[in-house]
Amino acid sequence: VQAKCYQLLLSVFQHSNRALSTPYIHSLAPIVVEKLKAVERNRPASNIELLAVQEGIKVLETLVALGEEQNILGSQPESTLRSLPPDPILLPPAHNSQAPVIYPPRPPKVLGLQA
């Protein structure tokens, strides 16, 4: 079950629409990291548990790649950045704005990955 949950997370984290995937990444990535840290204390006792850990590592590798991708984008010349549409999730709220701040919905809890 955990391996399937990690596979589902991987597909959500890799979604092409960053406005959809970013809240899930922010909410669930720390849980994935903690689950993988726990493996150091409780080694996998079966091939099924090992498969779940391997799927979790794939998720972590994807998160690192997404972070590197974001850092590369951040180091591009300013003209390139201006040509990209802004990501509303990453924009800070306008100062002295009367418009309400709209936050993305909280992602649902995923079974098997709760801290």
PDB file of N, CA and C in Angstrom:
ATOM      1  N   VAL A   1       0.832  -1.190   0.000  1.00  0.00           N
ATOM      2  CA  VAL A   1       0.000   0.000   0.000  1.00  0.00           C
ATOM      3  C   VAL A   1       0.880   1.259   0.000  1.00  0.00           C
ATOM      4  N   GLN A   2       1.946   1.240   0.814  1.00  0.00           N
ATOM      5  CA  GLN A   2       2.811   2.419   0.870  1.00  0.00           C
ATOM      6  C   GLN A   2       3.479   2.685  -0.476  1.00  0.00           C
ATOM      7  N   ALA A   3       3.888   1.630  -1.172  1.00  0.00           N
ATOM      8  CA  ALA A   3       4.522   1.819  -2.482  1.00  0.00           C
ATOM      9  C   ALA A   3       3.555   2.503  -3.435  1.00  0.00           C
ATOM     10  N   LYS A   4       2.290   2.093  -3.415  1.00  0.00           N
ATOM     11  CA  LYS A   4       1.278   2.710  -4.286  1.00  0.00           C
ATOM     12  C   LYS A   4       1.049   4.170  -3.890  1.00  0.00           C
ATOM     13  N   CYS A   5       1.073   4.458  -2.599  1.00  0.00           N
ATOM     14  CA  CYS A   5       0.913   5.848  -2.143  1.00  0.00           C
ATOM     15  C   CYS A   5       2.062   6.721  -2.641  1.00  0.00           C
ATOM     16  N   TYR A   6       3.275   6.183  -2.557  1.00  0.00           N
ATOM     17  CA  TYR A   6       4.423   6.935  -3.063  1.00  0.00           C
ATOM     18  C   TYR A   6       4.299   7.165  -4.570  1.00  0.00           C
ATOM     19  N   GLN A   7       3.826   6.167  -5.301  1.00  0.00           N
ATOM     20  CA  GLN A   7       3.644   6.324  -6.750  1.00  0.00           C
ATOM     21  C   GLN A   7       2.615   7.406  -7.045  1.00  0.00           C
ATOM     22  N   LEU A   8       1.544   7.443  -6.254  1.00  0.00           N
ATOM     23  CA  LEU A   8       0.529   8.483  -6.431  1.00  0.00           C
ATOM     24  C   LEU A   8       1.124   9.859  -6.133  1.00  0.00           C
ATOM     25  N   LEU A   9       1.875   9.962  -5.046  1.00  0.00           N
ATOM     26  CA  LEU A   9       2.526  11.236  -4.721  1.00  0.00           C
ATOM     27  C   LEU A   9       3.452  11.683  -5.837  1.00  0.00           C
ATOM     28  N   LEU A  10       4.190  10.746  -6.392  1.00  0.00           N
ATOM     29  CA  LEU A  10       5.106  11.068  -7.479  1.00  0.00           C
ATOM     30  C   LEU A  10       4.351  11.691  -8.644  1.00  0.00           C
ATOM     31  N   SER A  11       3.218  11.116  -9.005  1.00  0.00           N
ATOM     32  CA  SER A  11       2.449  11.661 -10.132  1.00  0.00           C
ATOM     33  C   SER A  11       1.881  13.041  -9.795  1.00  0.00           C
ATOM     34  N   VAL A  12       1.479  13.249  -8.549  1.00  0.00           N
ATOM     35  CA  VAL A  12       0.962  14.565  -8.144  1.00  0.00           C
ATOM     36  C   VAL A  12       2.089  15.594  -8.152  1.00  0.00           C
ATOM     37  N   PHE A  13       3.236  15.244  -7.586  1.00  0.00           N
ATOM     38  CA  PHE A  13       4.362  16.175  -7.522  1.00  0.00           C
ATOM     39  C   PHE A  13       4.877  16.541  -8.908  1.00  0.00           C
ATOM     40  N   GLN A  14       4.773  15.627  -9.869  1.00  0.00           N
ATOM     41  CA  GLN A  14       5.269  15.872 -11.225  1.00  0.00           C
ATOM     42  C   GLN A  14       4.228  16.533 -12.125  1.00  0.00           C
ATOM     43  N   HIS A  15       3.069  16.851 -11.601  1.00  0.00           N
ATOM     44  CA  HIS A  15       2.012  17.450 -12.425  1.00  0.00           C
ATOM     45  C   HIS A  15       2.544  18.704 -13.109  1.00  0.00           C
ATOM     46  N   SER A  16       2.175  18.877 -14.360  1.00  0.00           N
ATOM     47  CA  SER A  16       2.703  19.999 -15.146  1.00  0.00           C
ATOM     48  C   SER A  16       2.222  21.355 -14.635  1.00  0.00           C
ATOM     49  N   ASN A  17       1.084  21.400 -13.970  1.00  0.00           N
ATOM     50  CA  ASN A  17       0.560  22.651 -13.432  1.00  0.00           C
ATOM     51  C   ASN A  17       1.117  22.839 -12.017  1.00  0.00           C
ATOM     52  N   ARG A  18       2.133  23.672 -11.902  1.00  0.00           N
ATOM     53  CA  ARG A  18       2.791  23.880 -10.612  1.00  0.00           C
ATOM     54  C   ARG A  18       1.852  24.498  -9.577  1.00  0.00           C
ATOM     55  N   ALA A  19       0.850  25.246 -10.029  1.00  0.00           N
ATOM     56  CA  ALA A  19      -0.107  25.824  -9.088  1.00  0.00           C
ATOM     57  C   ALA A  19      -0.892  24.723  -8.374  1.00  0.00           C
ATOM     58  N   LEU A  20      -1.064  23.592  -9.024  1.00  0.00           N
ATOM     59  CA  LEU A  20      -1.750  22.462  -8.393  1.00  0.00           C
ATOM     60  C   LEU A  20      -0.808  21.626  -7.542  1.00  0.00           C
ATOM     61  N   SER A  21       0.399  21.407  -8.027  1.00  0.00           N
ATOM     62  CA  SER A  21       1.307  20.495  -7.324  1.00  0.00           C
ATOM     63  C   SER A  21       2.020  21.139  -6.135  1.00  0.00           C
ATOM     64  N   THR A  22       2.261  22.434  -6.183  1.00  0.00           N
ATOM     65  CA  THR A  22       3.041  23.099  -5.137  1.00  0.00           C
ATOM     66  C   THR A  22       2.453  22.942  -3.732  1.00  0.00           C
ATOM     67  N   PRO A  23       1.138  23.138  -3.529  1.00  0.00           N
ATOM     68  CA  PRO A  23       0.623  22.961  -2.161  1.00  0.00           C
ATOM     69  C   PRO A  23       0.796  21.527  -1.643  1.00  0.00           C
ATOM     70  N   TYR A  24       0.662  20.566  -2.538  1.00  0.00           N
ATOM     71  CA  TYR A  24       0.854  19.171  -2.132  1.00  0.00           C
ATOM     72  C   TYR A  24       2.317  18.920  -1.759  1.00  0.00           C
ATOM     73  N   ILE A  25       3.217  19.481  -2.538  1.00  0.00           N
ATOM     74  CA  ILE A  25       4.645  19.326  -2.244  1.00  0.00           C
ATOM     75  C   ILE A  25       4.962  19.928  -0.878  1.00  0.00           C
ATOM     76  N   HIS A  26       4.477  21.136  -0.634  1.00  0.00           N
ATOM     77  CA  HIS A  26       4.765  21.807   0.636  1.00  0.00           C
ATOM     78  C   HIS A  26       4.187  21.045   1.821  1.00  0.00           C
ATOM     79  N   SER A  27       3.011  20.446   1.633  1.00  0.00           N
ATOM     80  CA  SER A  27       2.367  19.731   2.736  1.00  0.00           C
ATOM     81  C   SER A  27       2.926  18.335   2.961  1.00  0.00           C
ATOM     82  N   LEU A  28       3.223  17.630   1.882  1.00  0.00           N
ATOM     83  CA  LEU A  28       3.532  16.206   2.002  1.00  0.00           C
ATOM     84  C   LEU A  28       5.016  15.859   1.936  1.00  0.00           C
ATOM     85  N   ALA A  29       5.833  16.716   1.348  1.00  0.00           N
ATOM     86  CA  ALA A  29       7.264  16.409   1.240  1.00  0.00           C
ATOM     87  C   ALA A  29       7.914  16.197   2.608  1.00  0.00           C
ATOM     88  N   PRO A  30       7.618  17.018   3.616  1.00  0.00           N
ATOM     89  CA  PRO A  30       8.239  16.763   4.927  1.00  0.00           C
ATOM     90  C   PRO A  30       7.858  15.397   5.510  1.00  0.00           C
ATOM     91  N   ILE A  31       6.639  14.955   5.248  1.00  0.00           N
ATOM     92  CA  ILE A  31       6.203  13.645   5.742  1.00  0.00           C
ATOM     93  C   ILE A  31       6.982  12.538   5.048  1.00  0.00           C
ATOM     94  N   VAL A  32       7.187  12.691   3.734  1.00  0.00           N
ATOM     95  CA  VAL A  32       7.962  11.699   2.980  1.00  0.00           C
ATOM     96  C   VAL A  32       9.379  11.617   3.543  1.00  0.00           C
ATOM     97  N   VAL A  33       9.984  12.767   3.788  1.00  0.00           N
ATOM     98  CA  VAL A  33      11.349  12.792   4.327  1.00  0.00           C
ATOM     99  C   VAL A  33      11.396  12.094   5.688  1.00  0.00           C
ATOM    100  N   GLU A  34      10.430  12.377   6.553  1.00  0.00           N
ATOM    101  CA  GLU A  34      10.407  11.742   7.875  1.00  0.00           C
ATOM    102  C   GLU A  34      10.222  10.235   7.768  1.00  0.00           C
ATOM    103  N   LYS A  35       9.366   9.793   6.859  1.00  0.00           N
ATOM    104  CA  LYS A  35       9.162   8.348   6.658  1.00  0.00           C
ATOM    105  C   LYS A  35      10.463   7.682   6.221  1.00  0.00           C
ATOM    106  N   LEU A  36      11.184   8.342   5.322  1.00  0.00           N
ATOM    107  CA  LEU A  36      12.441   7.760   4.849  1.00  0.00           C
ATOM    108  C   LEU A  36      13.523   7.802   5.932  1.00  0.00           C
ATOM    109  N   LYS A  37      13.507   8.821   6.778  1.00  0.00           N
ATOM    110  CA  LYS A  37      14.452   8.869   7.895  1.00  0.00           C
ATOM    111  C   LYS A  37      14.198   7.715   8.864  1.00  0.00           C
ATOM    112  N   ALA A  38      12.933   7.356   9.036  1.00  0.00           N
ATOM    113  CA  ALA A  38      12.566   6.277   9.956  1.00  0.00           C
ATOM    114  C   ALA A  38      13.126   4.934   9.502  1.00  0.00           C
ATOM    115  N   VAL A  39      13.400   4.796   8.215  1.00  0.00           N
ATOM    116  CA  VAL A  39      13.946   3.545   7.683  1.00  0.00           C
ATOM    117  C   VAL A  39      15.318   3.265   8.290  1.00  0.00           C
ATOM    118  N   GLU A  40      16.014   4.318   8.665  1.00  0.00           N
ATOM    119  CA  GLU A  40      17.331   4.143   9.278  1.00  0.00           C
ATOM    120  C   GLU A  40      17.212   3.396  10.613  1.00  0.00           C
ATOM    121  N   ARG A  41      16.134   3.658  11.341  1.00  0.00           N
ATOM    122  CA  ARG A  41      15.910   2.993  12.627  1.00  0.00           C
ATOM    123  C   ARG A  41      15.263   1.619  12.452  1.00  0.00           C
ATOM    124  N   ASN A  42      14.326   1.517  11.534  1.00  0.00           N
ATOM    125  CA  ASN A  42      13.580   0.274  11.304  1.00  0.00           C
ATOM    126  C   ASN A  42      13.803  -0.182   9.872  1.00  0.00           C
ATOM    127  N   ARG A  43      14.800  -0.979   9.674  1.00  0.00           N
ATOM    128  CA  ARG A  43      15.141  -1.472   8.329  1.00  0.00           C
ATOM    129  C   ARG A  43      13.985  -2.280   7.744  1.00  0.00           C
ATOM    130  N   PRO A  44      13.826  -2.243   6.404  1.00  0.00           N
ATOM    131  CA  PRO A  44      12.771  -3.051   5.772  1.00  0.00           C
ATOM    132  C   PRO A  44      12.964  -4.537   6.096  1.00  0.00           C
ATOM    133  N   ALA A  45      11.871  -5.184   6.489  1.00  0.00           N
ATOM    134  CA  ALA A  45      11.938  -6.591   6.879  1.00  0.00           C
ATOM    135  C   ALA A  45      11.496  -7.526   5.764  1.00  0.00           C
ATOM    136  N   SER A  46      10.987  -6.961   4.674  1.00  0.00           N
ATOM    137  CA  SER A  46      10.521  -7.806   3.569  1.00  0.00           C
ATOM    138  C   SER A  46      10.770  -7.086   2.252  1.00  0.00           C
ATOM    139  N   ASN A  47      10.616  -7.826   1.176  1.00  0.00           N
ATOM    140  CA  ASN A  47      10.772  -7.221  -0.152  1.00  0.00           C
ATOM    141  C   ASN A  47       9.705  -6.167  -0.410  1.00  0.00           C
ATOM    142  N   ILE A  48       8.511  -6.365   0.133  1.00  0.00           N
ATOM    143  CA  ILE A  48       7.427  -5.389  -0.054  1.00  0.00           C
ATOM    144  C   ILE A  48       7.784  -4.081   0.644  1.00  0.00           C
ATOM    145  N   GLU A  49       8.309  -4.174   1.860  1.00  0.00           N
ATOM    146  CA  GLU A  49       8.729  -2.965   2.575  1.00  0.00           C
ATOM    147  C   GLU A  49       9.886  -2.284   1.853  1.00  0.00           C
ATOM    148  N   LEU A  50      10.794  -3.082   1.315  1.00  0.00           N
ATOM    149  CA  LEU A  50      11.918  -2.524   0.561  1.00  0.00           C
ATOM    150  C   LEU A  50      11.420  -1.797  -0.685  1.00  0.00           C
ATOM    151  N   LEU A  51      10.435  -2.366  -1.365  1.00  0.00           N
ATOM    152  CA  LEU A  51       9.853  -1.719  -2.547  1.00  0.00           C
ATOM    153  C   LEU A  51       9.252  -0.364  -2.172  1.00  0.00           C
ATOM    154  N   ALA A  52       8.565  -0.307  -1.025  1.00  0.00           N
ATOM    155  CA  ALA A  52       7.981   0.962  -0.579  1.00  0.00           C
ATOM    156  C   ALA A  52       9.072   2.005  -0.344  1.00  0.00           C
ATOM    157  N   VAL A  53      10.169   1.591   0.273  1.00  0.00           N
ATOM    158  CA  VAL A  53      11.283   2.515   0.516  1.00  0.00           C
ATOM    159  C   VAL A  53      11.867   2.997  -0.810  1.00  0.00           C
ATOM    160  N   GLN A  54      12.021   2.089  -1.766  1.00  0.00           N
ATOM    161  CA  GLN A  54      12.558   2.472  -3.076  1.00  0.00           C
ATOM    162  C   GLN A  54      11.641   3.478  -3.769  1.00  0.00           C
ATOM    163  N   GLU A  55      10.330   3.281  -3.661  1.00  0.00           N
ATOM    164  CA  GLU A  55       9.383   4.237  -4.249  1.00  0.00           C
ATOM    165  C   GLU A  55       9.486   5.588  -3.537  1.00  0.00           C
ATOM    166  N   GLY A  56       9.668   5.559  -2.223  1.00  0.00           N
ATOM    167  CA  GLY A  56       9.841   6.804  -1.474  1.00  0.00           C
ATOM    168  C   GLY A  56      11.095   7.547  -1.901  1.00  0.00           C
ATOM    169  N   ILE A  57      12.153   6.802  -2.184  1.00  0.00           N
ATOM    170  CA  ILE A  57      13.399   7.420  -2.655  1.00  0.00           C
ATOM    171  C   ILE A  57      13.188   8.054  -4.023  1.00  0.00           C
ATOM    172  N   LYS A  58      12.405   7.419  -4.889  1.00  0.00           N
ATOM    173  CA  LYS A  58      12.091   8.017  -6.197  1.00  0.00           C
ATOM    174  C   LYS A  58      11.371   9.349  -6.011  1.00  0.00           C
ATOM    175  N   VAL A  59      10.449   9.384  -5.049  1.00  0.00           N
ATOM    176  CA  VAL A  59       9.733  10.635  -4.768  1.00  0.00           C
ATOM    177  C   VAL A  59      10.720  11.697  -4.305  1.00  0.00           C
ATOM    178  N   LEU A  60      11.612  11.329  -3.410  1.00  0.00           N
ATOM    179  CA  LEU A  60      12.605  12.278  -2.902  1.00  0.00           C
ATOM    180  C   LEU A  60      13.523  12.773  -4.016  1.00  0.00           C
ATOM    181  N   GLU A  61      13.946  11.877  -4.900  1.00  0.00           N
ATOM    182  CA  GLU A  61      14.780  12.278  -6.041  1.00  0.00           C
ATOM    183  C   GLU A  61      14.038  13.273  -6.927  1.00  0.00           C
ATOM    184  N   THR A  62      12.747  13.041  -7.121  1.00  0.00           N
ATOM    185  CA  THR A  62      11.941  13.959  -7.931  1.00  0.00           C
ATOM    186  C   THR A  62      11.852  15.322  -7.262  1.00  0.00           C
ATOM    187  N   LEU A  63      11.658  15.341  -5.950  1.00  0.00           N
ATOM    188  CA  LEU A  63      11.597  16.612  -5.232  1.00  0.00           C
ATOM    189  C   LEU A  63      12.904  17.388  -5.363  1.00  0.00           C
ATOM    190  N   VAL A  64      14.018  16.687  -5.268  1.00  0.00           N
ATOM    191  CA  VAL A  64      15.323  17.343  -5.429  1.00  0.00           C
ATOM    192  C   VAL A  64      15.448  17.907  -6.838  1.00  0.00           C
ATOM    193  N   ALA A  65      15.049  17.125  -7.840  1.00  0.00           N
ATOM    194  CA  ALA A  65      15.127  17.593  -9.231  1.00  0.00           C
ATOM    195  C   ALA A  65      14.232  18.808  -9.445  1.00  0.00           C
ATOM    196  N   LEU A  66      13.044  18.796  -8.857  1.00  0.00           N
ATOM    197  CA  LEU A  66      12.144  19.950  -8.989  1.00  0.00           C
ATOM    198  C   LEU A  66      12.750  21.179  -8.327  1.00  0.00           C
ATOM    199  N   GLY A  67      13.403  20.988  -7.185  1.00  0.00           N
ATOM    200  CA  GLY A  67      14.067  22.105  -6.518  1.00  0.00           C
ATOM    201  C   GLY A  67      15.213  22.653  -7.345  1.00  0.00           C
ATOM    202  N   GLU A  68      15.994  21.757  -7.943  1.00  0.00           N
ATOM    203  CA  GLU A  68      17.097  22.197  -8.804  1.00  0.00           C
ATOM    204  C   GLU A  68      16.558  22.934 -10.021  1.00  0.00           C
ATOM    205  N   GLU A  69      15.471  22.427 -10.578  1.00  0.00           N
ATOM    206  CA  GLU A  69      14.837  23.074 -11.735  1.00  0.00           C
ATOM    207  C   GLU A  69      14.405  24.489 -11.367  1.00  0.00           C
ATOM    208  N   GLN A  70      13.823  24.640 -10.188  1.00  0.00           N
ATOM    209  CA  GLN A  70      13.379  25.954  -9.722  1.00  0.00           C
ATOM    210  C   GLN A  70      14.580  26.875  -9.517  1.00  0.00           C
ATOM    211  N   ASN A  71      15.680  26.346  -8.977  1.00  0.00           N
ATOM    212  CA  ASN A  71      16.883  27.156  -8.777  1.00  0.00           C
ATOM    213  C   ASN A  71      17.501  27.571 -10.100  1.00  0.00           C
ATOM    214  N   ILE A  72      17.498  26.683 -11.077  1.00  0.00           N
ATOM    215  CA  ILE A  72      18.032  27.022 -12.398  1.00  0.00           C
ATOM    216  C   ILE A  72      17.193  28.127 -13.014  1.00  0.00           C
ATOM    217  N   LEU A  73      15.886  28.008 -12.897  1.00  0.00           N
ATOM    218  CA  LEU A  73      14.997  29.030 -13.434  1.00  0.00           C
ATOM    219  C   LEU A  73      15.272  30.362 -12.750  1.00  0.00           C
ATOM    220  N   GLY A  74      15.513  30.322 -11.444  1.00  0.00           N
ATOM    221  CA  GLY A  74      15.778  31.546 -10.698  1.00  0.00           C
ATOM    222  C   GLY A  74      17.081  32.212 -11.085  1.00  0.00           C
ATOM    223  N   SER A  75      18.006  31.476 -11.701  1.00  0.00           N
ATOM    224  CA  SER A  75      19.291  32.068 -12.072  1.00  0.00           C
ATOM    225  C   SER A  75      19.316  32.543 -13.521  1.00  0.00           C
ATOM    226  N   GLN A  76      18.199  32.441 -14.220  1.00  0.00           N
ATOM    227  CA  GLN A  76      18.138  32.881 -15.609  1.00  0.00           C
ATOM    228  C   GLN A  76      18.144  34.407 -15.674  1.00  0.00           C
ATOM    229  N   PRO A  77      18.530  34.964 -16.818  1.00  0.00           N
ATOM    230  CA  PRO A  77      18.494  36.418 -16.968  1.00  0.00           C
ATOM    231  C   PRO A  77      17.090  36.964 -16.729  1.00  0.00           C
ATOM    232  N   GLU A  78      17.049  38.198 -16.275  1.00  0.00           N
ATOM    233  CA  GLU A  78      15.778  38.819 -15.935  1.00  0.00           C
ATOM    234  C   GLU A  78      14.803  38.848 -17.104  1.00  0.00           C
ATOM    235  N   SER A  79      15.291  39.014 -18.318  1.00  0.00           N
ATOM    236  CA  SER A  79      14.395  39.069 -19.477  1.00  0.00           C
ATOM    237  C   SER A  79      13.657  37.753 -19.665  1.00  0.00           C
ATOM    238  N   THR A  80      14.309  36.642 -19.381  1.00  0.00           N
ATOM    239  CA  THR A  80      13.648  35.344 -19.494  1.00  0.00           C
ATOM    240  C   THR A  80      12.572  35.222 -18.437  1.00  0.00           C
ATOM    241  N   LEU A  81      12.868  35.671 -17.237  1.00  0.00           N
ATOM    242  CA  LEU A  81      11.888  35.587 -16.166  1.00  0.00           C
ATOM    243  C   LEU A  81      10.669  36.447 -16.460  1.00  0.00           C
ATOM    244  N   ARG A  82      10.873  37.613 -17.053  1.00  0.00           N
ATOM    245  CA  ARG A  82       9.740  38.479 -17.369  1.00  0.00           C
ATOM    246  C   ARG A  82       8.825  37.859 -18.403  1.00  0.00           C
ATOM    247  N   SER A  83       9.354  36.984 -19.261  1.00  0.00           N
ATOM    248  CA  SER A  83       8.526  36.394 -20.306  1.00  0.00           C
ATOM    249  C   SER A  83       7.684  35.231 -19.795  1.00  0.00           C
ATOM    250  N   LEU A  84       7.972  34.759 -18.575  1.00  0.00           N
ATOM    251  CA  LEU A  84       7.210  33.646 -18.015  1.00  0.00           C
ATOM    252  C   LEU A  84       5.994  34.170 -17.264  1.00  0.00           C
ATOM    253  N   PRO A  85       4.871  33.445 -17.333  1.00  0.00           N
ATOM    254  CA  PRO A  85       3.707  33.883 -16.555  1.00  0.00           C
ATOM    255  C   PRO A  85       3.982  33.692 -15.067  1.00  0.00           C
ATOM    256  N   PRO A  86       3.509  34.603 -14.224  1.00  0.00           N
ATOM    257  CA  PRO A  86       3.771  34.463 -12.793  1.00  0.00           C
ATOM    258  C   PRO A  86       2.998  33.285 -12.209  1.00  0.00           C
ATOM    259  N   ASP A  87       3.589  32.641 -11.235  1.00  0.00           N
ATOM    260  CA  ASP A  87       2.924  31.556 -10.526  1.00  0.00           C
ATOM    261  C   ASP A  87       2.232  32.180  -9.319  1.00  0.00           C
ATOM    262  N   PRO A  88       0.892  32.200  -9.284  1.00  0.00           N
ATOM    263  CA  PRO A  88       0.189  32.887  -8.197  1.00  0.00           C
ATOM    264  C   PRO A  88       0.493  32.307  -6.821  1.00  0.00           C
ATOM    265  N   ILE A  89       0.884  31.054  -6.762  1.00  0.00           N
ATOM    266  CA  ILE A  89       1.200  30.437  -5.474  1.00  0.00           C
ATOM    267  C   ILE A  89       2.468  31.049  -4.886  1.00  0.00           C
ATOM    268  N   LEU A  90       3.405  31.436  -5.746  1.00  0.00           N
ATOM    269  CA  LEU A  90       4.696  31.923  -5.279  1.00  0.00           C
ATOM    270  C   LEU A  90       4.741  33.433  -5.083  1.00  0.00           C
ATOM    271  N   LEU A  91       3.723  34.143  -5.537  1.00  0.00           N
ATOM    272  CA  LEU A  91       3.721  35.595  -5.422  1.00  0.00           C
ATOM    273  C   LEU A  91       3.333  36.025  -4.012  1.00  0.00           C
ATOM    274  N   PRO A  92       4.041  37.003  -3.452  1.00  0.00           N
ATOM    275  CA  PRO A  92       3.637  37.505  -2.139  1.00  0.00           C
ATOM    276  C   PRO A  92       2.396  38.376  -2.295  1.00  0.00           C
ATOM    277  N   PRO A  93       1.590  38.510  -1.248  1.00  0.00           N
ATOM    278  CA  PRO A  93       0.417  39.371  -1.348  1.00  0.00           C
ATOM    279  C   PRO A  93       0.844  40.826  -1.536  1.00  0.00           C
ATOM    280  N   ALA A  94       0.055  41.574  -2.287  1.00  0.00           N
ATOM    281  CA  ALA A  94       0.361  42.983  -2.549  1.00  0.00           C
ATOM    282  C   ALA A  94       0.236  43.778  -1.249  1.00  0.00           C
ATOM    283  N   HIS A  95       1.142  44.727  -1.054  1.00  0.00           N
ATOM    284  CA  HIS A  95       1.091  45.566   0.137  1.00  0.00           C
ATOM    285  C   HIS A  95      -0.088  46.518   0.041  1.00  0.00           C
ATOM    286  N   ASN A  96      -0.744  46.723   1.154  1.00  0.00           N
ATOM    287  CA  ASN A  96      -1.886  47.633   1.246  1.00  0.00           C
ATOM    288  C   ASN A  96      -2.989  47.281   0.259  1.00  0.00           C
ATOM    289  N   SER A  97      -3.093  46.053  -0.117  1.00  0.00           N
ATOM    290  CA  SER A  97      -4.128  45.636  -1.054  1.00  0.00           C
ATOM    291  C   SER A  97      -5.400  45.319  -0.285  1.00  0.00           C
ATOM    292  N   GLN A  98      -6.530  45.734  -0.821  1.00  0.00           N
ATOM    293  CA  GLN A  98      -7.817  45.428  -0.214  1.00  0.00           C
ATOM    294  C   GLN A  98      -8.335  44.069  -0.661  1.00  0.00           C
ATOM    295  N   ALA A  99      -7.705  43.499  -1.691  1.00  0.00           N
ATOM    296  CA  ALA A  99      -8.143  42.198  -2.187  1.00  0.00           C
ATOM    297  C   ALA A  99      -7.771  41.121  -1.173  1.00  0.00           C
ATOM    298  N   PRO A 100      -8.672  40.163  -0.947  1.00  0.00           N
ATOM    299  CA  PRO A 100      -8.347  39.099   0.006  1.00  0.00           C
ATOM    300  C   PRO A 100      -7.263  38.183  -0.550  1.00  0.00           C
ATOM    301  N   VAL A 101      -6.491  37.628   0.343  1.00  0.00           N
ATOM    302  CA  VAL A 101      -5.470  36.660  -0.050  1.00  0.00           C
ATOM    303  C   VAL A 101      -6.148  35.300  -0.144  1.00  0.00           C
ATOM    304  N   ILE A 102      -6.011  34.652  -1.290  1.00  0.00           N
ATOM    305  CA  ILE A 102      -6.629  33.347  -1.495  1.00  0.00           C
ATOM    306  C   ILE A 102      -5.535  32.298  -1.441  1.00  0.00           C
ATOM    307  N   TYR A 103      -5.659  31.398  -0.510  1.00  0.00           N
ATOM    308  CA  TYR A 103      -4.681  30.329  -0.357  1.00  0.00           C
ATOM    309  C   TYR A 103      -5.185  29.080  -1.066  1.00  0.00           C
ATOM    310  N   PRO A 104      -4.271  28.252  -1.566  1.00  0.00           N
ATOM    311  CA  PRO A 104      -4.698  27.016  -2.236  1.00  0.00           C
ATOM    312  C   PRO A 104      -5.331  26.075  -1.225  1.00  0.00           C
ATOM    313  N   PRO A 105      -6.186  25.175  -1.697  1.00  0.00           N
ATOM    314  CA  PRO A 105      -6.813  24.230  -0.767  1.00  0.00           C
ATOM    315  C   PRO A 105      -5.772  23.294  -0.168  1.00  0.00           C
ATOM    316  N   ARG A 106      -6.050  22.846   1.034  1.00  0.00           N
ATOM    317  CA  ARG A 106      -5.150  21.874   1.666  1.00  0.00           C
ATOM    318  C   ARG A 106      -5.317  20.539   0.965  1.00  0.00           C
ATOM    319  N   PRO A 107      -4.223  19.870   0.706  1.00  0.00           N
ATOM    320  CA  PRO A 107      -4.337  18.553   0.076  1.00  0.00           C
ATOM    321  C   PRO A 107      -4.952  17.562   1.049  1.00  0.00           C
ATOM    322  N   PRO A 108      -5.643  16.555   0.521  1.00  0.00           N
ATOM    323  CA  PRO A 108      -6.233  15.546   1.403  1.00  0.00           C
ATOM    324  C   PRO A 108      -5.144  14.702   2.049  1.00  0.00           C
ATOM    325  N   LYS A 109      -5.477  14.113   3.182  1.00  0.00           N
ATOM    326  CA  LYS A 109      -4.529  13.224   3.847  1.00  0.00           C
ATOM    327  C   LYS A 109      -4.405  11.945   3.035  1.00  0.00           C
ATOM    328  N   VAL A 110      -3.182  11.466   2.904  1.00  0.00           N
ATOM    329  CA  VAL A 110      -2.910  10.250   2.146  1.00  0.00           C
ATOM    330  C   VAL A 110      -2.658   9.124   3.134  1.00  0.00           C
ATOM    331  N   LEU A 111      -3.401   8.040   2.989  1.00  0.00           N
ATOM    332  CA  LEU A 111      -3.242   6.903   3.890  1.00  0.00           C
ATOM    333  C   LEU A 111      -1.845   6.328   3.798  1.00  0.00           C
ATOM    334  N   GLY A 112      -1.312   5.940   4.920  1.00  0.00           N
ATOM    335  CA  GLY A 112      -0.008   5.290   4.938  1.00  0.00           C
ATOM    336  C   GLY A 112       1.161   6.250   5.011  1.00  0.00           C
ATOM    337  N   LEU A 113       0.892   7.556   4.900  1.00  0.00           N
ATOM    338  CA  LEU A 113       1.994   8.515   4.914  1.00  0.00           C
ATOM    339  C   LEU A 113       1.840   9.543   6.021  1.00  0.00           C
ATOM    340  N   GLN A 114       0.996   9.278   6.991  1.00  0.00           N
ATOM    341  CA  GLN A 114       0.791  10.240   8.057  1.00  0.00           C
ATOM    342  C   GLN A 114       1.927  10.152   9.062  1.00  0.00           C
ATOM    343  N   ALA A 115       2.310  11.312   9.570  1.00  0.00           N
ATOM    344  CA  ALA A 115       3.407  11.353  10.549  1.00  0.00           C
ATOM    345  C   ALA A 115       2.924  10.905  11.908  1.00  0.00           C
TER     346      ALA A 115
END
